[in-house]
Protein backbone atom coordinates (compact mmCIF):
# COMPACT_ATOMS: atom_id res chain seq x y z
CA MET A 1 84.45 55.89 18.54
CA ALA A 2 80.81 54.88 18.06
CA TYR A 3 81.79 51.91 15.87
CA GLY A 4 84.30 50.74 18.45
CA ILE A 5 81.67 50.85 21.22
CA ILE A 6 79.23 48.92 19.01
CA LEU A 7 81.89 46.30 18.17
CA GLN A 8 82.52 45.74 21.88
CA ILE A 9 78.87 44.83 22.32
CA LEU A 10 78.24 43.14 18.92
CA PRO A 11 81.59 41.65 17.79
CA GLN A 12 80.22 40.77 14.35
CA PRO A 13 81.43 43.53 11.94
CA HIS A 14 78.47 43.31 9.56
CA LEU A 15 75.94 43.68 12.42
CA ALA A 16 78.01 46.45 14.01
CA GLN A 17 78.00 48.29 10.70
CA GLU A 18 74.23 47.97 10.42
CA VAL A 19 73.84 49.42 13.92
CA LEU A 20 76.23 52.26 13.13
CA VAL A 21 74.14 53.17 10.11
CA SER A 22 71.02 53.08 12.30
CA VAL A 23 72.71 55.43 14.80
CA PHE A 24 73.42 58.06 12.18
CA SER A 25 70.05 57.67 10.44
CA SER A 26 68.15 57.84 13.74
CA PRO A 27 65.79 60.73 14.42
CA GLN A 28 67.25 60.65 17.99
CA LEU A 29 70.51 61.96 16.58
CA GLN A 30 68.89 65.41 16.24
CA SER A 31 68.52 65.61 20.03
CA CYS A 32 72.30 65.41 20.34
CA ASN A 33 72.50 69.02 19.23
CA SER A 34 70.94 70.09 22.49
CA TYR A 35 72.67 67.43 24.63
CA PRO A 36 74.12 68.96 27.84
CA PHE A 37 77.53 67.50 27.20
CA THR A 38 79.31 67.07 23.88
CA PHE A 39 77.87 65.85 20.62
CA ALA A 40 80.32 62.95 20.67
CA ALA A 41 79.16 61.81 24.13
CA CYS A 42 75.57 61.84 22.92
CA VAL A 43 76.49 59.80 19.79
CA ILE A 44 78.35 57.25 21.96
CA LYS A 45 75.41 56.94 24.28
CA LEU A 46 73.07 56.43 21.35
CA ALA A 47 75.43 53.88 19.76
CA ARG A 48 75.59 51.86 22.97
CA ALA A 49 71.84 51.95 23.38
CA LYS A 50 71.26 50.80 19.80
CA ALA A 51 73.93 48.04 20.06
CA VAL A 52 72.41 46.74 23.33
CA GLU A 53 68.97 46.80 21.71
CA ALA A 54 70.27 44.86 18.67
CA LYS A 55 72.05 42.35 20.90
CA ARG A 56 68.89 41.73 22.94
CA LYS A 57 66.89 41.16 19.71
CA LEU A 58 69.61 38.83 18.41
CA THR A 59 69.78 36.79 21.63
CA ALA A 60 65.98 36.49 21.68
CA LEU A 61 66.21 34.77 18.23
CA VAL A 62 69.32 32.67 18.90
CA PRO A 63 69.78 30.61 22.07
CA ALA A 64 72.67 31.73 24.28
CA ASN A 65 75.87 29.78 23.89
CA GLU A 66 78.45 28.96 26.51
CA GLU A 67 80.46 32.06 25.67
CA ASP A 68 77.56 34.33 26.63
CA ALA A 69 76.81 32.47 29.86
CA VAL A 70 77.21 34.36 33.07
CA ASP A 71 79.97 33.09 35.27
CA ALA A 72 78.45 33.39 38.72
CA ASP A 73 81.78 32.56 40.36
CA SER A 74 83.42 35.64 38.94
CA LEU A 75 82.29 38.66 40.96
CA SER A 76 85.20 40.83 39.82
CA PRO A 77 84.47 44.47 39.06
CA GLN A 78 85.60 43.81 35.45
CA ASN A 79 83.01 40.99 35.02
CA ILE A 80 80.24 43.05 36.60
CA PHE A 81 81.01 46.03 34.35
CA GLU A 82 81.07 43.71 31.29
CA LEU A 83 77.61 42.45 32.17
CA ALA A 84 76.25 46.01 32.45
CA PHE A 85 78.11 47.70 29.58
CA ARG A 86 78.62 45.09 26.89
CA GLN A 87 75.63 42.86 27.65
CA GLY A 88 73.27 45.69 28.56
CA PHE A 89 71.99 44.40 31.86
CA THR A 90 70.72 46.95 34.38
CA PRO A 91 72.31 47.01 37.83
CA ASP A 92 69.27 45.26 39.19
CA GLU A 93 69.52 42.52 36.57
CA VAL A 94 73.25 42.07 37.22
CA ALA A 95 72.57 41.79 40.95
CA LYS A 96 69.91 39.16 40.34
CA LYS A 97 72.08 37.17 37.93
CA LEU A 98 75.04 37.11 40.31
CA ASN A 99 72.96 36.83 43.45
CA ILE A 100 74.37 39.95 45.02
CA THR A 101 72.89 43.27 46.08
CA LYS A 102 72.44 46.28 43.80
CA SER A 103 74.71 48.30 46.11
CA GLU A 104 77.47 45.62 45.55
CA VAL A 105 77.01 46.02 41.82
CA LEU A 106 77.31 49.81 42.10
CA ARG A 107 80.36 49.44 44.36
CA SER A 108 81.93 47.20 41.69
CA PHE A 109 81.31 49.88 39.08
CA HIS A 110 83.14 52.34 41.34
CA ASP A 111 86.01 49.93 41.89
CA PHE A 112 86.24 49.28 38.15
CA PHE A 113 86.53 52.94 37.26
CA LYS A 114 88.86 53.60 40.22
CA SER A 115 91.25 50.88 39.02
CA TYR A 116 91.42 52.53 35.54
CA ARG A 117 91.94 55.97 37.02
CA ASN A 118 94.88 54.72 39.09
CA ALA A 119 96.45 52.74 36.21
């Protein structure tokens, strides 16, 4: 599951594998033993955080291409969730990028999850 999450954020298998190794060699993994939920949830959270961190470092070194550009015309809950989950932007950053309020971003998250629950 952790590798799948990492691949969604970093679609390059060799980079995703490096991040996965860093997840399981991280000292932060020990804290998962006392995580209030399950060990798996903690590992997934750590994998996402490390993948987002790696993506930010990578994009700082390589200029963004057209594929990574934010489509300001698409304010769908799916697009807003993609910006937050796969690209690692905070709700405040998403709001600023799309020129909407933070409450609209949070409402889009709710709508996104609601659509999956009803599917």
